[in-house]
Amino acid sequence: MHWIILIVAGLCEVGFAFCLGKAKGVEGVAYWEWMGGFAFFYVVSALLLAKATEVLPIGTAYPVWTGIGALGSVLVGIFILHEPATFWRLFFITTLTASIIGLKMVSEN
């Protein structure tokens, strides 16, 4: 169950990164709406990470959390925000994904 909580926390990290990306292109009320979404996802993500680390070791949970956020943010950037999908970007996000899977495989919990 704590792994599921950690995955949801990582997805919330993607949510706050997306909101931050959208906030940079707008002004006025729309800016504050996106920043409100950023704050919401940030708080939920941190609370879920804290919950997951009640059982999972922080040395595993934190890198997995940030890795899910990084992977998801790159994919959102490419597919939704139309950022470039260069070879090196994809290469390094692939190595990051392999590292996340490796941490999960060697974790005792």
N, C-alpha and C. Protein backbone atom coordinates (compact mmCIF):
# COMPACT_ATOMS: atom_id res chain seq x y z
N MET A 1 0.81 -1.20 0.00
CA MET A 1 0.00 0.00 0.00
C MET A 1 0.86 1.27 0.00
N HIS A 2 1.98 1.22 0.72
CA HIS A 2 2.84 2.42 0.78
C HIS A 2 3.50 2.72 -0.56
N TRP A 3 3.71 1.69 -1.37
CA TRP A 3 4.23 1.95 -2.71
C TRP A 3 3.19 2.67 -3.56
N ILE A 4 1.93 2.33 -3.41
CA ILE A 4 0.87 3.02 -4.14
C ILE A 4 0.80 4.47 -3.71
N ILE A 5 0.89 4.70 -2.41
CA ILE A 5 0.89 6.08 -1.89
C ILE A 5 2.07 6.85 -2.48
N LEU A 6 3.23 6.21 -2.55
CA LEU A 6 4.41 6.87 -3.10
C LEU A 6 4.23 7.19 -4.59
N ILE A 7 3.63 6.29 -5.34
CA ILE A 7 3.38 6.54 -6.76
C ILE A 7 2.42 7.72 -6.93
N VAL A 8 1.35 7.76 -6.14
CA VAL A 8 0.41 8.88 -6.21
C VAL A 8 1.12 10.19 -5.83
N ALA A 9 2.00 10.14 -4.83
CA ALA A 9 2.78 11.32 -4.46
C ALA A 9 3.63 11.80 -5.63
N GLY A 10 4.25 10.86 -6.34
CA GLY A 10 5.05 11.22 -7.52
C GLY A 10 4.20 11.82 -8.62
N LEU A 11 2.99 11.29 -8.80
CA LEU A 11 2.09 11.85 -9.81
C LEU A 11 1.63 13.25 -9.43
N CYS A 12 1.47 13.49 -8.13
CA CYS A 12 1.15 14.84 -7.67
C CYS A 12 2.31 15.79 -7.95
N GLU A 13 3.53 15.27 -7.88
CA GLU A 13 4.69 16.09 -8.23
C GLU A 13 4.62 16.49 -9.70
N VAL A 14 4.20 15.57 -10.54
CA VAL A 14 4.00 15.90 -11.96
C VAL A 14 2.93 16.99 -12.08
N GLY A 15 1.88 16.87 -11.28
CA GLY A 15 0.81 17.88 -11.29
C GLY A 15 1.32 19.26 -10.92
N PHE A 16 2.16 19.34 -9.89
CA PHE A 16 2.63 20.68 -9.53
C PHE A 16 3.63 21.23 -10.54
N ALA A 17 4.40 20.36 -11.17
CA ALA A 17 5.31 20.83 -12.21
C ALA A 17 4.53 21.33 -13.43
N PHE A 18 3.47 20.62 -13.79
CA PHE A 18 2.62 21.04 -14.91
C PHE A 18 1.99 22.40 -14.62
N CYS A 19 1.44 22.56 -13.42
CA CYS A 19 0.82 23.84 -13.06
C CYS A 19 1.84 24.97 -13.10
N LEU A 20 3.04 24.71 -12.63
CA LEU A 20 4.09 25.72 -12.66
C LEU A 20 4.43 26.09 -14.10
N GLY A 21 4.50 25.09 -14.97
CA GLY A 21 4.76 25.36 -16.39
C GLY A 21 3.67 26.18 -17.04
N LYS A 22 2.43 25.90 -16.70
CA LYS A 22 1.31 26.66 -17.27
C LYS A 22 1.24 28.07 -16.71
N ALA A 23 1.64 28.26 -15.45
CA ALA A 23 1.58 29.57 -14.81
C ALA A 23 2.55 30.56 -15.45
N LYS A 24 3.65 30.06 -16.00
CA LYS A 24 4.64 30.98 -16.55
C LYS A 24 4.17 31.65 -17.84
N GLY A 25 3.12 31.14 -18.46
CA GLY A 25 2.67 31.73 -19.72
C GLY A 25 1.42 32.59 -19.61
N VAL A 26 0.96 32.86 -18.38
CA VAL A 26 -0.28 33.63 -18.21
C VAL A 26 -0.08 34.72 -17.17
N GLU A 27 -1.06 35.63 -17.11
CA GLU A 27 -1.03 36.73 -16.14
C GLU A 27 -2.37 36.84 -15.45
N GLY A 28 -2.41 37.66 -14.43
CA GLY A 28 -3.67 37.97 -13.75
C GLY A 28 -4.25 36.79 -13.00
N VAL A 29 -5.58 36.66 -13.10
CA VAL A 29 -6.31 35.62 -12.37
C VAL A 29 -5.85 34.23 -12.80
N ALA A 30 -5.62 34.02 -14.07
CA ALA A 30 -5.19 32.71 -14.56
C ALA A 30 -3.87 32.29 -13.91
N TYR A 31 -2.97 33.25 -13.73
CA TYR A 31 -1.70 32.96 -13.07
C TYR A 31 -1.96 32.43 -11.66
N TRP A 32 -2.81 33.08 -10.91
CA TRP A 32 -3.08 32.66 -9.53
C TRP A 32 -3.84 31.34 -9.47
N GLU A 33 -4.66 31.08 -10.46
CA GLU A 33 -5.34 29.77 -10.52
C GLU A 33 -4.32 28.65 -10.70
N TRP A 34 -3.39 28.83 -11.64
CA TRP A 34 -2.35 27.81 -11.84
C TRP A 34 -1.45 27.69 -10.62
N MET A 35 -1.14 28.81 -9.98
CA MET A 35 -0.31 28.74 -8.78
C MET A 35 -1.06 28.09 -7.61
N GLY A 36 -2.38 28.26 -7.57
CA GLY A 36 -3.18 27.55 -6.58
C GLY A 36 -3.12 26.05 -6.80
N GLY A 37 -3.19 25.64 -8.07
CA GLY A 37 -3.04 24.22 -8.40
C GLY A 37 -1.65 23.72 -8.02
N PHE A 38 -0.65 24.54 -8.29
CA PHE A 38 0.72 24.19 -7.90
C PHE A 38 0.81 23.96 -6.40
N ALA A 39 0.28 24.88 -5.60
CA ALA A 39 0.34 24.78 -4.14
C ALA A 39 -0.41 23.54 -3.65
N PHE A 40 -1.59 23.28 -4.21
CA PHE A 40 -2.37 22.11 -3.83
C PHE A 40 -1.60 20.82 -4.07
N PHE A 41 -1.10 20.65 -5.31
CA PHE A 41 -0.37 19.42 -5.63
C PHE A 41 0.92 19.30 -4.83
N TYR A 42 1.57 20.43 -4.57
CA TYR A 42 2.81 20.41 -3.80
C TYR A 42 2.56 19.88 -2.39
N VAL A 43 1.54 20.41 -1.74
CA VAL A 43 1.22 20.00 -0.37
C VAL A 43 0.79 18.53 -0.33
N VAL A 44 -0.09 18.14 -1.24
CA VAL A 44 -0.56 16.75 -1.27
C VAL A 44 0.61 15.81 -1.53
N SER A 45 1.47 16.17 -2.46
CA SER A 45 2.62 15.35 -2.78
C SER A 45 3.53 15.16 -1.57
N ALA A 46 3.82 16.24 -0.86
CA ALA A 46 4.70 16.17 0.31
C ALA A 46 4.07 15.34 1.42
N LEU A 47 2.76 15.52 1.65
CA LEU A 47 2.08 14.75 2.69
C LEU A 47 2.07 13.25 2.37
N LEU A 48 1.83 12.92 1.10
CA LEU A 48 1.83 11.51 0.71
C LEU A 48 3.23 10.91 0.79
N LEU A 49 4.23 11.70 0.43
CA LEU A 49 5.61 11.21 0.58
C LEU A 49 5.91 10.93 2.05
N ALA A 50 5.50 11.84 2.93
CA ALA A 50 5.72 11.63 4.36
C ALA A 50 5.01 10.36 4.84
N LYS A 51 3.80 10.13 4.36
CA LYS A 51 3.05 8.93 4.73
C LYS A 51 3.78 7.67 4.24
N ALA A 52 4.25 7.70 3.02
CA ALA A 52 4.94 6.53 2.45
C ALA A 52 6.22 6.21 3.21
N THR A 53 6.90 7.25 3.71
CA THR A 53 8.17 7.02 4.40
C THR A 53 7.98 6.55 5.84
N GLU A 54 6.72 6.41 6.27
CA GLU A 54 6.49 5.78 7.57
C GLU A 54 6.92 4.31 7.53
N VAL A 55 6.88 3.71 6.33
CA VAL A 55 7.25 2.30 6.17
C VAL A 55 8.47 2.15 5.24
N LEU A 56 8.47 2.86 4.14
CA LEU A 56 9.56 2.74 3.16
C LEU A 56 10.77 3.54 3.61
N PRO A 57 11.97 3.04 3.34
CA PRO A 57 13.17 3.81 3.70
C PRO A 57 13.27 5.09 2.86
N ILE A 58 13.67 6.17 3.52
CA ILE A 58 13.76 7.46 2.84
C ILE A 58 14.76 7.41 1.68
N GLY A 59 15.81 6.61 1.84
CA GLY A 59 16.83 6.49 0.79
C GLY A 59 16.30 5.84 -0.48
N THR A 60 15.19 5.14 -0.39
CA THR A 60 14.52 4.58 -1.56
C THR A 60 13.34 5.45 -1.98
N ALA A 61 12.52 5.84 -1.00
CA ALA A 61 11.29 6.57 -1.31
C ALA A 61 11.55 7.91 -1.98
N TYR A 62 12.49 8.68 -1.46
CA TYR A 62 12.73 10.01 -2.02
C TYR A 62 13.23 9.95 -3.46
N PRO A 63 14.23 9.12 -3.78
CA PRO A 63 14.64 9.05 -5.18
C PRO A 63 13.53 8.54 -6.12
N VAL A 64 12.72 7.60 -5.65
CA VAL A 64 11.61 7.11 -6.48
C VAL A 64 10.60 8.24 -6.69
N TRP A 65 10.28 8.97 -5.64
CA TRP A 65 9.34 10.10 -5.72
C TRP A 65 9.83 11.14 -6.73
N THR A 66 11.09 11.55 -6.59
CA THR A 66 11.62 12.55 -7.51
C THR A 66 11.75 11.99 -8.93
N GLY A 67 12.06 10.70 -9.03
CA GLY A 67 12.17 10.08 -10.36
C GLY A 67 10.84 10.03 -11.08
N ILE A 68 9.77 9.67 -10.35
CA ILE A 68 8.44 9.68 -10.96
C ILE A 68 8.09 11.09 -11.40
N GLY A 69 8.40 12.06 -10.55
CA GLY A 69 8.14 13.46 -10.91
C GLY A 69 8.93 13.90 -12.12
N ALA A 70 10.19 13.52 -12.17
CA ALA A 70 11.03 13.90 -13.31
C ALA A 70 10.56 13.24 -14.60
N LEU A 71 10.33 11.94 -14.53
CA LEU A 71 9.85 11.21 -15.72
C LEU A 71 8.52 11.77 -16.19
N GLY A 72 7.59 11.92 -15.26
CA GLY A 72 6.27 12.44 -15.64
C GLY A 72 6.34 13.85 -16.18
N SER A 73 7.19 14.68 -15.58
CA SER A 73 7.32 16.06 -16.04
C SER A 73 7.90 16.14 -17.45
N VAL A 74 8.87 15.28 -17.73
CA VAL A 74 9.44 15.26 -19.09
C VAL A 74 8.37 14.81 -20.09
N LEU A 75 7.62 13.76 -19.74
CA LEU A 75 6.59 13.27 -20.65
C LEU A 75 5.48 14.30 -20.85
N VAL A 76 5.05 14.96 -19.79
CA VAL A 76 4.05 16.03 -19.91
C VAL A 76 4.61 17.16 -20.76
N GLY A 77 5.87 17.50 -20.52
CA GLY A 77 6.51 18.55 -21.31
C GLY A 77 6.52 18.23 -22.79
N ILE A 78 6.83 16.99 -23.12
CA ILE A 78 6.91 16.58 -24.52
C ILE A 78 5.52 16.49 -25.15
N PHE A 79 4.60 15.78 -24.48
CA PHE A 79 3.31 15.48 -25.10
C PHE A 79 2.25 16.56 -24.94
N ILE A 80 2.34 17.35 -23.88
CA ILE A 80 1.30 18.37 -23.65
C ILE A 80 1.83 19.78 -23.89
N LEU A 81 3.04 20.05 -23.42
CA LEU A 81 3.60 21.39 -23.56
C LEU A 81 4.46 21.55 -24.81
N HIS A 82 4.58 20.49 -25.59
CA HIS A 82 5.29 20.50 -26.88
C HIS A 82 6.76 20.90 -26.77
N GLU A 83 7.41 20.39 -25.72
CA GLU A 83 8.85 20.59 -25.58
C GLU A 83 9.58 19.58 -26.47
N PRO A 84 10.84 19.84 -26.81
CA PRO A 84 11.55 18.95 -27.73
C PRO A 84 11.82 17.57 -27.12
N ALA A 85 11.75 16.55 -27.97
CA ALA A 85 12.05 15.17 -27.56
C ALA A 85 13.36 14.76 -28.23
N THR A 86 14.45 15.32 -27.74
CA THR A 86 15.75 15.03 -28.34
C THR A 86 16.26 13.66 -27.90
N PHE A 87 17.22 13.15 -28.64
CA PHE A 87 17.80 11.85 -28.31
C PHE A 87 18.34 11.84 -26.89
N TRP A 88 19.13 12.85 -26.51
CA TRP A 88 19.76 12.85 -25.20
C TRP A 88 18.75 12.99 -24.07
N ARG A 89 17.72 13.74 -24.30
CA ARG A 89 16.66 13.86 -23.29
C ARG A 89 16.01 12.50 -23.05
N LEU A 90 15.67 11.84 -24.12
CA LEU A 90 15.04 10.52 -24.01
C LEU A 90 16.01 9.48 -23.45
N PHE A 91 17.27 9.56 -23.82
CA PHE A 91 18.28 8.64 -23.30
C PHE A 91 18.39 8.76 -21.78
N PHE A 92 18.52 9.98 -21.29
CA PHE A 92 18.72 10.16 -19.85
C PHE A 92 17.45 9.90 -19.06
N ILE A 93 16.29 10.17 -19.61
CA ILE A 93 15.07 9.85 -18.89
C ILE A 93 14.88 8.33 -18.84
N THR A 94 15.37 7.63 -19.86
CA THR A 94 15.33 6.16 -19.85
C THR A 94 16.25 5.60 -18.77
N THR A 95 17.45 6.17 -18.64
CA THR A 95 18.35 5.69 -17.59
C THR A 95 17.79 6.01 -16.20
N LEU A 96 17.11 7.13 -16.06
CA LEU A 96 16.47 7.46 -14.79
C LEU A 96 15.37 6.46 -14.46
N THR A 97 14.57 6.11 -15.45
CA THR A 97 13.50 5.13 -15.26
C THR A 97 14.07 3.78 -14.85
N ALA A 98 15.14 3.36 -15.49
CA ALA A 98 15.78 2.09 -15.12
C ALA A 98 16.27 2.14 -13.68
N SER A 99 16.78 3.28 -13.26
CA SER A 99 17.25 3.43 -11.87
C SER A 99 16.09 3.34 -10.88
N ILE A 100 14.97 3.94 -11.21
CA ILE A 100 13.79 3.87 -10.34
C ILE A 100 13.34 2.43 -10.19
N ILE A 101 13.26 1.72 -11.29
CA ILE A 101 12.85 0.31 -11.26
C ILE A 101 13.86 -0.50 -10.44
N GLY A 102 15.14 -0.22 -10.61
CA GLY A 102 16.18 -0.91 -9.85
C GLY A 102 16.05 -0.67 -8.35
N LEU A 103 15.76 0.56 -7.95
CA LEU A 103 15.57 0.86 -6.53
C LEU A 103 14.39 0.09 -5.96
N LYS A 104 13.32 0.02 -6.74
CA LYS A 104 12.15 -0.74 -6.28
C LYS A 104 12.49 -2.21 -6.12
N MET A 105 13.25 -2.76 -7.06
CA MET A 105 13.58 -4.18 -7.04
C MET A 105 14.48 -4.55 -5.86
N VAL A 106 15.37 -3.66 -5.45
CA VAL A 106 16.29 -3.99 -4.37
C VAL A 106 15.78 -3.53 -3.00
N SER A 107 14.64 -2.85 -2.97
CA SER A 107 14.07 -2.40 -1.71
C SER A 107 13.51 -3.58 -0.93
N GLU A 108 13.68 -3.54 0.37
CA GLU A 108 13.19 -4.63 1.22
C GLU A 108 11.69 -4.51 1.49
N ASN A 109 11.10 -3.35 1.30
CA ASN A 109 9.67 -3.16 1.58
C ASN A 109 8.84 -3.19 0.34
